C-alpha atoms as a PDB file:
ATOM      1  CA  MET A   1       6.624-126.194-169.711  1.00  0.00           C
ATOM      2  CA  ARG A   2       3.395-127.216-167.990  1.00  0.00           C
ATOM      3  CA  LEU A   3       3.256-123.915-166.099  1.00  0.00           C
ATOM      4  CA  ALA A   4       3.720-122.004-169.371  1.00  0.00           C
ATOM      5  CA  ALA A   5       0.888-123.997-170.981  1.00  0.00           C
ATOM      6  CA  MET A   6      -1.421-123.309-168.033  1.00  0.00           C
ATOM      7  CA  THR A   7      -0.637-119.579-168.224  1.00  0.00           C
ATOM      8  CA  LEU A   8      -1.306-119.570-171.964  1.00  0.00           C
ATOM      9  CA  CYS A   9      -4.692-121.259-171.462  1.00  0.00           C
ATOM     10  CA  ARG A  10      -5.716-118.663-168.856  1.00  0.00           C
ATOM     11  CA  ARG A  11      -4.743-115.797-171.144  1.00  0.00           C
ATOM     12  CA  LEU A  12      -6.526-117.355-174.105  1.00  0.00           C
ATOM     13  CA  ALA A  13      -9.668-117.798-171.998  1.00  0.00           C
ATOM     14  CA  VAL A  14      -9.672-114.100-171.112  1.00  0.00           C
ATOM     15  CA  ALA A  15      -8.891-113.049-174.702  1.00  0.00           C
ATOM     16  CA  VAL A  16     -11.637-115.233-176.176  1.00  0.00           C
ATOM     17  CA  ALA A  17     -14.244-114.017-173.671  1.00  0.00           C
ATOM     18  CA  LEU A  18     -13.371-110.345-174.243  1.00  0.00           C
ATOM     19  CA  ALA A  19     -13.298-110.797-178.029  1.00  0.00           C
ATOM     20  CA  GLY A  20     -16.697-112.493-177.955  1.00  0.00           C
ATOM     21  CA  SER A  21     -18.179-109.720-175.813  1.00  0.00           C
ATOM     22  CA  ALA A  22     -16.734-106.984-178.014  1.00  0.00           C
ATOM     23  CA  GLY A  23     -17.911-108.740-181.168  1.00  0.00           C
ATOM     24  CA  TYR A  24     -21.398-109.079-179.741  1.00  0.00           C
ATOM     25  CA  LEU A  25     -21.625-105.355-178.964  1.00  0.00           C
ATOM     26  CA  ILE A  26     -20.287-104.365-182.395  1.00  0.00           C
ATOM     27  CA  ALA A  27     -22.784-106.660-184.119  1.00  0.00           C
ATOM     28  CA  GLN A  28     -25.618-105.215-182.062  1.00  0.00           C
ATOM     29  CA  TRP A  29     -24.583-101.669-182.977  1.00  0.00           C
ATOM     30  CA  PHE A  30     -24.464-102.297-186.728  1.00  0.00           C
ATOM     31  CA  ALA A  31     -27.523-104.539-186.871  1.00  0.00           C
ATOM     32  CA  SER A  32     -30.579-103.050-188.521  1.00  0.00           C
ATOM     33  CA  PRO A  33     -33.772-102.860-186.450  1.00  0.00           C
ATOM     34  CA  GLY A  34     -35.505-106.200-186.594  1.00  0.00           C
ATOM     35  CA  ASP A  35     -32.459-107.968-188.049  1.00  0.00           C
ATOM     36  CA  GLY A  36     -33.048-111.229-186.263  1.00  0.00           C
ATOM     37  CA  ALA A  37     -30.442-113.147-188.266  1.00  0.00           C
ATOM     38  CA  LEU A  38     -27.534-110.924-187.216  1.00  0.00           C
ATOM     39  CA  ASP A  39     -28.811-110.748-183.666  1.00  0.00           C
ATOM     40  CA  GLY A  40     -29.013-114.518-183.489  1.00  0.00           C
ATOM     41  CA  LEU A  41     -25.574-114.926-185.035  1.00  0.00           C
ATOM     42  CA  SER A  42     -23.985-112.507-182.569  1.00  0.00           C
ATOM     43  CA  SER A  43     -25.676-114.280-179.661  1.00  0.00           C
ATOM     44  CA  ILE A  44     -24.362-117.629-180.876  1.00  0.00           C
ATOM     45  CA  GLY A  45     -20.883-116.125-181.188  1.00  0.00           C
ATOM     46  CA  LEU A  46     -21.012-114.821-177.618  1.00  0.00           C
ATOM     47  CA  LEU A  47     -22.205-118.192-176.342  1.00  0.00           C
ATOM     48  CA  ALA A  48     -19.448-119.972-178.273  1.00  0.00           C
ATOM     49  CA  ALA A  49     -16.833-117.612-176.808  1.00  0.00           C
ATOM     50  CA  GLU A  50     -18.125-118.320-173.316  1.00  0.00           C
ATOM     51  CA  VAL A  51     -18.050-122.097-173.867  1.00  0.00           C
ATOM     52  CA  ILE A  52     -14.507-121.962-175.263  1.00  0.00           C
ATOM     53  CA  SER A  53     -13.342-119.828-172.319  1.00  0.00           C
ATOM     54  CA  LEU A  54     -14.837-122.216-169.791  1.00  0.00           C
ATOM     55  CA  GLY A  55     -13.265-125.137-171.631  1.00  0.00           C
ATOM     56  CA  LEU A  56      -9.823-123.532-171.465  1.00  0.00           C
ATOM     57  CA  LEU A  57     -10.241-122.849-167.743  1.00  0.00           C
ATOM     58  CA  ALA A  58     -11.330-126.452-167.223  1.00  0.00           C
ATOM     59  CA  VAL A  59      -8.099-127.611-168.868  1.00  0.00           C
ATOM     60  CA  VAL A  60      -6.142-125.468-166.405  1.00  0.00           C
ATOM     61  CA  ALA A  61      -8.128-126.799-163.444  1.00  0.00           C
ATOM     62  CA  LEU A  62      -7.539-130.416-164.485  1.00  0.00           C
ATOM     63  CA  ALA A  63      -3.823-129.927-165.124  1.00  0.00           C
ATOM     64  CA  GLY A  64      -2.981-130.440-161.471  1.00  0.00           C
ATOM     65  CA  ARG A  65      -0.950-128.313-159.089  1.00  0.00           C
ATOM     66  CA  PRO A  66       2.751-128.102-159.888  1.00  0.00           C
ATOM     67  CA  ALA A  67       5.337-127.625-157.171  1.00  0.00           C
ATOM     68  CA  VAL A  68       6.545-124.330-158.564  1.00  0.00           C
ATOM     69  CA  PHE A  69       6.581-120.587-157.937  1.00  0.00           C
ATOM     70  CA  ILE A  70       7.024-117.739-160.379  1.00  0.00           C
ATOM     71  CA  VAL A  71      10.207-115.784-159.651  1.00  0.00           C
ATOM     72  CA  ARG A  72       9.495-112.032-159.697  1.00  0.00           C
ATOM     73  CA  PRO A  73      12.711-110.039-159.126  1.00  0.00           C
ATOM     74  CA  ALA A  74      10.971-106.682-159.640  1.00  0.00           C
ATOM     75  CA  GLU A  75       8.652-107.041-156.636  1.00  0.00           C
ATOM     76  CA  PRO A  76      10.650-109.083-155.279  1.00  0.00           C
ATOM     77  CA  SER A  77       8.786-112.304-154.509  1.00  0.00           C
ATOM     78  CA  PHE A  78       8.116-115.935-155.244  1.00  0.00           C
ATOM     79  CA  SER A  79       4.508-115.954-156.435  1.00  0.00           C
ATOM     80  CA  ALA A  80       1.914-118.608-157.038  1.00  0.00           C
ATOM     81  CA  PRO A  81       0.429-118.486-160.546  1.00  0.00           C
ATOM     82  CA  PRO A  82      -3.171-117.212-160.792  1.00  0.00           C
ATOM     83  CA  GLY A  83      -5.824-119.903-160.721  1.00  0.00           C
ATOM     84  CA  SER A  84      -8.632-120.585-163.165  1.00  0.00           C
ATOM     85  CA  GLN A  85     -11.252-120.347-160.415  1.00  0.00           C
ATOM     86  CA  ALA A  86     -10.423-116.692-159.824  1.00  0.00           C
ATOM     87  CA  LEU A  87     -11.325-115.894-163.440  1.00  0.00           C
ATOM     88  CA  LEU A  88     -14.760-117.515-163.425  1.00  0.00           C
ATOM     89  CA  MET A  89     -16.679-114.723-161.711  1.00  0.00           C
ATOM     90  CA  PRO A  90     -15.144-111.791-163.642  1.00  0.00           C
ATOM     91  CA  LEU A  91     -15.640-113.621-166.943  1.00  0.00           C
ATOM     92  CA  ALA A  92     -19.278-114.313-166.054  1.00  0.00           C
ATOM     93  CA  MET A  93     -19.714-110.646-165.098  1.00  0.00           C
ATOM     94  CA  THR A  94     -18.147-109.573-168.404  1.00  0.00           C
ATOM     95  CA  VAL A  95     -20.502-111.753-170.452  1.00  0.00           C
ATOM     96  CA  TRP A  96     -23.559-110.628-168.469  1.00  0.00           C
ATOM     97  CA  ALA A  97     -22.594-106.958-168.832  1.00  0.00           C
ATOM     98  CA  SER A  98     -22.137-107.445-172.573  1.00  0.00           C
ATOM     99  CA  VAL A  99     -25.611-108.953-172.922  1.00  0.00           C
ATOM    100  CA  GLU A 100     -27.166-106.115-170.932  1.00  0.00           C
ATOM    101  CA  ALA A 101     -25.212-103.507-172.887  1.00  0.00           C
ATOM    102  CA  GLY A 102     -26.292-105.098-176.142  1.00  0.00           C
ATOM    103  CA  SER A 103     -29.939-104.777-175.129  1.00  0.00           C
ATOM    104  CA  LEU A 104     -29.397-101.029-174.695  1.00  0.00           C
ATOM    105  CA  VAL A 105     -27.694-100.487-178.044  1.00  0.00           C
ATOM    106  CA  GLY A 106     -30.973-100.201-179.923  1.00  0.00           C
ATOM    107  CA  SER A 107     -32.231 -97.644-177.438  1.00  0.00           C
ATOM    108  CA  ALA A 108     -29.025 -95.648-177.798  1.00  0.00           C
ATOM    109  CA  ARG A 109     -29.307 -95.595-181.570  1.00  0.00           C
ATOM    110  CA  SER A 110     -32.864 -94.289-181.338  1.00  0.00           C
ATOM    111  CA  HIS A 111     -31.809 -91.719-178.698  1.00  0.00           C
ATOM    112  CA  ASP A 112     -34.202 -93.250-176.197  1.00  0.00           C
ATOM    113  CA  LEU A 113     -31.702 -94.675-173.733  1.00  0.00           C
ATOM    114  CA  PRO A 114     -32.998 -95.202-170.173  1.00  0.00           C
ATOM    115  CA  LEU A 115     -30.452 -93.404-167.996  1.00  0.00           C
ATOM    116  CA  ARG A 116     -30.939 -95.684-165.015  1.00  0.00           C
ATOM    117  CA  ASP A 117     -30.387 -98.852-167.072  1.00  0.00           C
ATOM    118  CA  ALA A 118     -27.322 -97.333-168.706  1.00  0.00           C
ATOM    119  CA  VAL A 119     -25.785 -96.460-165.338  1.00  0.00           C
ATOM    120  CA  VAL A 120     -26.377 -99.979-164.026  1.00  0.00           C
ATOM    121  CA  VAL A 121     -24.751-101.552-167.079  1.00  0.00           C
ATOM    122  CA  VAL A 122     -21.755 -99.196-166.890  1.00  0.00           C
ATOM    123  CA  LEU A 123     -21.266-100.036-163.205  1.00  0.00           C
ATOM    124  CA  TRP A 124     -21.403-103.733-163.983  1.00  0.00           C
ATOM    125  CA  MET A 125     -18.842-103.351-166.769  1.00  0.00           C
ATOM    126  CA  VAL A 126     -16.511-101.346-164.505  1.00  0.00           C
ATOM    127  CA  GLY A 127     -16.896-103.947-161.760  1.00  0.00           C
ATOM    128  CA  ALA A 128     -16.177-106.757-164.212  1.00  0.00           C
ATOM    129  CA  GLY A 129     -13.050-104.929-165.365  1.00  0.00           C
ATOM    130  CA  VAL A 130     -11.806-104.437-161.805  1.00  0.00           C
ATOM    131  CA  PHE A 131     -12.356-108.077-160.857  1.00  0.00           C
ATOM    132  CA  LEU A 132     -10.805-109.264-164.111  1.00  0.00           C
ATOM    133  CA  ALA A 133      -7.725-107.107-163.546  1.00  0.00           C
ATOM    134  CA  ARG A 134      -7.325-108.440-159.991  1.00  0.00           C
ATOM    135  CA  ALA A 135      -7.740-112.020-161.144  1.00  0.00           C
ATOM    136  CA  TRP A 136      -5.298-111.452-163.999  1.00  0.00           C
ATOM    137  CA  ARG A 137      -2.680-110.147-161.565  1.00  0.00           C
ATOM    138  CA  GLY A 138      -3.229-113.237-159.463  1.00  0.00           C
ATOM    139  CA  LEU A 139      -4.858-113.995-156.131  1.00  0.00           C
ATOM    140  CA  GLY A 140      -2.323-116.556-154.986  1.00  0.00           C
ATOM    141  CA  VAL A 141       0.222-116.200-152.224  1.00  0.00           C
ATOM    142  CA  GLN A 142       3.406-114.187-152.621  1.00  0.00           C
ATOM    143  CA  ILE A 143       6.454-115.042-150.524  1.00  0.00           C
ATOM    144  CA  ARG A 144       8.353-111.785-149.964  1.00  0.00           C
ATOM    145  CA  PRO A 145      11.424-110.759-147.973  1.00  0.00           C
ATOM    146  CA  GLU A 146       9.148-109.083-145.420  1.00  0.00           C
ATOM    147  CA  GLY A 147       6.597-111.898-145.200  1.00  0.00           C
ATOM    148  CA  LEU A 148       3.553-113.324-146.954  1.00  0.00           C
ATOM    149  CA  ARG A 149       0.996-111.444-148.992  1.00  0.00           C
ATOM    150  CA  TRP A 150      -2.042-112.615-150.872  1.00  0.00           C
ATOM    151  CA  ARG A 151      -4.884-110.910-152.663  1.00  0.00           C
ATOM    152  CA  GLU A 152      -8.543-111.680-152.434  1.00  0.00           C
ATOM    153  CA  LEU A 153     -11.221-110.372-154.791  1.00  0.00           C
ATOM    154  CA  ALA A 154     -11.923-107.288-152.687  1.00  0.00           C
ATOM    155  CA  GLY A 155      -8.838-106.934-150.513  1.00  0.00           C
ATOM    156  CA  SER A 156      -5.440-108.250-149.477  1.00  0.00           C
ATOM    157  CA  VAL A 157      -3.652-109.727-146.454  1.00  0.00           C
ATOM    158  CA  SER A 158      -0.050-109.028-145.387  1.00  0.00           C
ATOM    159  CA  VAL A 159       1.612-111.313-142.850  1.00  0.00           C
ATOM    160  CA  PRO A 160       5.089-110.390-141.510  1.00  0.00           C
ATOM    161  CA  TRP A 161       7.384-113.325-140.799  1.00  0.00           C
ATOM    162  CA  ASP A 162       7.396-112.466-137.093  1.00  0.00           C
ATOM    163  CA  ALA A 163       3.639-113.026-136.975  1.00  0.00           C
ATOM    164  CA  LEU A 164       3.922-116.702-137.901  1.00  0.00           C
ATOM    165  CA  THR A 165       4.370-119.532-135.410  1.00  0.00           C
ATOM    166  CA  ALA A 166       7.771-121.237-135.519  1.00  0.00           C
ATOM    167  CA  GLY A 167       7.769-124.660-137.169  1.00  0.00           C
ATOM    168  CA  ARG A 168       4.491-124.011-138.949  1.00  0.00           C
ATOM    169  CA  PRO A 169       2.615-124.543-141.173  1.00  0.00           C
ATOM    170  CA  LEU A 170       2.759-128.311-141.287  1.00  0.00           C
ATOM    171  CA  ARG A 171       2.190-130.109-144.549  1.00  0.00           C
ATOM    172  CA  PRO A 172      -1.525-130.317-145.362  1.00  0.00           C
ATOM    173  CA  GLU A 173      -3.399-133.367-146.590  1.00  0.00           C
ATOM    174  CA  ALA A 174      -2.640-134.309-150.172  1.00  0.00           C
ATOM    175  CA  ARG A 175      -5.748-132.826-151.769  1.00  0.00           C
ATOM    176  CA  THR A 176      -6.227-129.893-149.419  1.00  0.00           C
ATOM    177  CA  ARG A 177      -6.630-126.577-151.245  1.00  0.00           C
ATOM    178  CA  ILE A 178      -6.750-124.358-148.157  1.00  0.00           C
ATOM    179  CA  LEU A 179      -3.699-123.926-145.929  1.00  0.00           C
ATOM    180  CA  ALA A 180      -4.463-122.901-142.340  1.00  0.00           C
ATOM    181  CA  LEU A 181      -1.880-120.531-140.879  1.00  0.00           C
ATOM    182  CA  THR A 182      -1.182-120.197-137.159  1.00  0.00           C
ATOM    183  CA  TYR A 183       0.022-116.930-135.664  1.00  0.00           C
ATOM    184  CA  ALA A 184       2.277-116.257-132.700  1.00  0.00           C
ATOM    185  CA  ARG A 185       1.590-112.517-133.023  1.00  0.00           C
ATOM    186  CA  PRO A 186      -1.720-112.041-134.857  1.00  0.00           C
ATOM    187  CA  GLU A 187      -1.702-108.294-134.127  1.00  0.00           C
ATOM    188  CA  LEU A 188       1.020-107.895-136.776  1.00  0.00           C
ATOM    189  CA  VAL A 189      -1.249-109.144-139.573  1.00  0.00           C
ATOM    190  CA  ARG A 190      -2.599-106.379-141.819  1.00  0.00           C
ATOM    191  CA  ARG A 191      -5.783-106.565-143.871  1.00  0.00           C
ATOM    192  CA  ARG A 192      -6.856-104.130-146.563  1.00  0.00           C
ATOM    193  CA  GLY A 193     -10.232-103.908-148.233  1.00  0.00           C
ATOM    194  CA  LEU A 194     -13.003-106.422-147.703  1.00  0.00           C
ATOM    195  CA  VAL A 195     -11.343-109.511-146.225  1.00  0.00           C
ATOM    196  CA  PHE A 196     -13.369-111.979-144.175  1.00  0.00           C
ATOM    197  CA  GLY A 197     -10.459-113.958-142.732  1.00  0.00           C
ATOM    198  CA  HIS A 198      -6.696-113.883-142.457  1.00  0.00           C
ATOM    199  CA  GLN A 199      -5.761-117.445-141.498  1.00  0.00           C
ATOM    200  CA  LEU A 200      -6.959-119.428-144.517  1.00  0.00           C
ATOM    201  CA  LEU A 201      -4.630-119.320-147.501  1.00  0.00           C
ATOM    202  CA  SER A 202      -5.807-120.652-150.858  1.00  0.00           C
ATOM    203  CA  ILE A 203      -3.345-123.087-152.424  1.00  0.00           C
ATOM    204  CA  ASP A 204      -5.407-124.212-155.398  1.00  0.00           C
ATOM    205  CA  THR A 205      -2.719-123.474-158.013  1.00  0.00           C
ATOM    206  CA  VAL A 206       0.425-124.789-156.303  1.00  0.00           C
ATOM    207  CA  ALA A 207       1.160-128.090-154.577  1.00  0.00           C
ATOM    208  CA  GLY A 208       0.125-127.658-150.956  1.00  0.00           C
ATOM    209  CA  TRP A 209       3.143-129.446-149.473  1.00  0.00           C
ATOM    210  CA  PHE A 210       5.454-127.198-151.512  1.00  0.00           C
ATOM    211  CA  VAL A 211       3.846-123.981-150.244  1.00  0.00           C
ATOM    212  CA  ALA A 212       3.893-125.191-146.627  1.00  0.00           C
ATOM    213  CA  ASP A 213       7.544-126.274-146.830  1.00  0.00           C
ATOM    214  CA  ALA A 214       8.623-122.981-148.397  1.00  0.00           C
ATOM    215  CA  ILE A 215       6.853-120.870-145.766  1.00  0.00           C
ATOM    216  CA  ARG A 216       8.143-123.009-142.898  1.00  0.00           C
ATOM    217  CA  HIS A 217      11.673-122.810-144.293  1.00  0.00           C
ATOM    218  CA  TYR A 218      11.716-119.021-144.252  1.00  0.00           C
ATOM    219  CA  VAL A 219      10.093-118.879-140.826  1.00  0.00           C
ATOM    220  CA  THR A 220      12.952-121.043-139.561  1.00  0.00           C
ATOM    221  CA  HIS A 221      15.741-119.352-141.545  1.00  0.00           C
ATOM    222  CA  PRO A 222      15.394-115.556-141.362  1.00  0.00           C
ATOM    223  CA  GLU A 223      18.900-115.122-142.808  1.00  0.00           C
ATOM    224  CA  ARG A 224      17.633-116.334-146.202  1.00  0.00           C
ATOM    225  CA  ARG A 225      14.697-113.929-146.510  1.00  0.00           C
ATOM    226  CA  ALA A 226      16.606-111.014-148.019  1.00  0.00           C
ATOM    227  CA  ALA A 227      17.405-113.100-151.127  1.00  0.00           C
ATOM    228  CA  ILE A 228      13.763-113.951-151.869  1.00  0.00           C
ATOM    229  CA  GLY A 229      12.865-112.953-155.412  1.00  0.00           C
ATOM    230  CA  THR A 230      16.189-113.920-156.977  1.00  0.00           C
ATOM    231  CA  GLN A 231      16.688-116.893-159.263  1.00  0.00           C
ATOM    232  CA  ALA A 232      19.676-118.102-157.235  1.00  0.00           C
ATOM    233  CA  GLU A 233      17.614-118.201-154.041  1.00  0.00           C
ATOM    234  CA  TYR A 234      14.760-119.947-155.813  1.00  0.00           C
ATOM    235  CA  ASP A 235      17.117-122.638-157.111  1.00  0.00           C
ATOM    236  CA  ARG A 236      18.448-123.068-153.575  1.00  0.00           C
ATOM    237  CA  LEU A 237      14.904-123.325-152.196  1.00  0.00           C
ATOM    238  CA  LEU A 238      14.034-126.056-154.713  1.00  0.00           C
ATOM    239  CA  HIS A 239      17.116-127.992-153.681  1.00  0.00           C
ATOM    240  CA  VAL A 240      16.232-127.691-149.985  1.00  0.00           C
ATOM    241  CA  VAL A 241      12.599-128.662-150.448  1.00  0.00           C
ATOM    242  CA  HIS A 242      13.284-131.646-152.703  1.00  0.00           C
ATOM    243  CA  ASN A 243      16.449-132.967-151.076  1.00  0.00           C
ATOM    244  CA  GLU A 244      16.679-131.912-147.444  1.00  0.00           C
ATOM    245  CA  LEU A 245      13.041-131.919-146.342  1.00  0.00           C
ATOM    246  CA  ALA A 246      10.756-134.940-146.128  1.00  0.00           C
ATOM    247  CA  ASP A 247       9.388-136.510-149.272  1.00  0.00           C
ATOM    248  CA  PRO A 248       5.995-135.220-150.439  1.00  0.00           C
ATOM    249  CA  PRO A 249       2.863-137.205-149.501  1.00  0.00           C
ATOM    250  CA  ALA A 250       2.730-140.539-151.281  1.00  0.00           C
ATOM    251  CA  ARG A 251      -0.981-140.289-152.017  1.00  0.00           C
ATOM    252  CA  SER A 252      -0.779-136.710-153.180  1.00  0.00           C
ATOM    253  CA  GLY A 253      -2.327-135.566-156.414  1.00  0.00           C
ATOM    254  CA  ASP A 254       0.337-132.860-156.443  1.00  0.00           C
ATOM    255  CA  ARG A 255       3.165-133.453-158.851  1.00  0.00           C
ATOM    256  CA  MET A 256       6.858-132.915-158.449  1.00  0.00           C
ATOM    257  CA  PRO A 257       8.248-130.431-160.951  1.00  0.00           C
ATOM    258  CA  GLY A 258       9.934-131.986-163.908  1.00  0.00           C
ATOM    259  CA  PRO A 259      12.498-130.414-166.226  1.00  0.00           C
ATOM    260  CA  GLY A 260      11.375-127.075-167.559  1.00  0.00           C
ATOM    261  CA  LEU A 261       8.771-126.361-164.901  1.00  0.00           C
ATOM    262  CA  THR A 262      10.824-123.669-163.279  1.00  0.00           C
END
């Protein structure tokens, strides 16, 4: 239930920000020249949409990190839910592009649109859309039958199981949001796009101990990898992590999943 609420808040944040930006542009287009009242009202609406979006993302950020993956049979994978932090930059880019586009609406209506300014605004809007789409799809780790994969804003990293060191990664500190991976065969790691590192894995949306235990389990048990992405295997993984492995850190801010989380 908590995971569903967090997902709903993220989607509402995106919807509110996009609706506010679209409303601002529409108001600018239909406003009469010198109509300061409508211009002010549309600006207030855009600001309100931005504040509401940030508030929704703050709720997600404060909700904690559940010990849970999303089961995706189609891929197949166990995936971490997308985080609120990944949406901050694309939402800010969307709002900024809307403000810049709104300033050009009057010029467009009078057929005196500076081409250079228009191109810059279009590029910003396209960039915002690309980043928003990537963030919407999720930047968290995916545990797949062939290994690990995670997306960054401008690229992705694929780590085959054979690349990882046996018995690793160990459980991180309770509040750690970056999991350091160690490689026995780093030459097997593949990076695409603009990626600055391939050893630091963000775990800001899922309990760190849960991610580490799941990865270490599949490094140790290659016979279980083929079933990754199925609900039956996920239920088995939860049983192993919560009953056969060590208890989670006592001082951890991470929470054990309650009924309905999975």
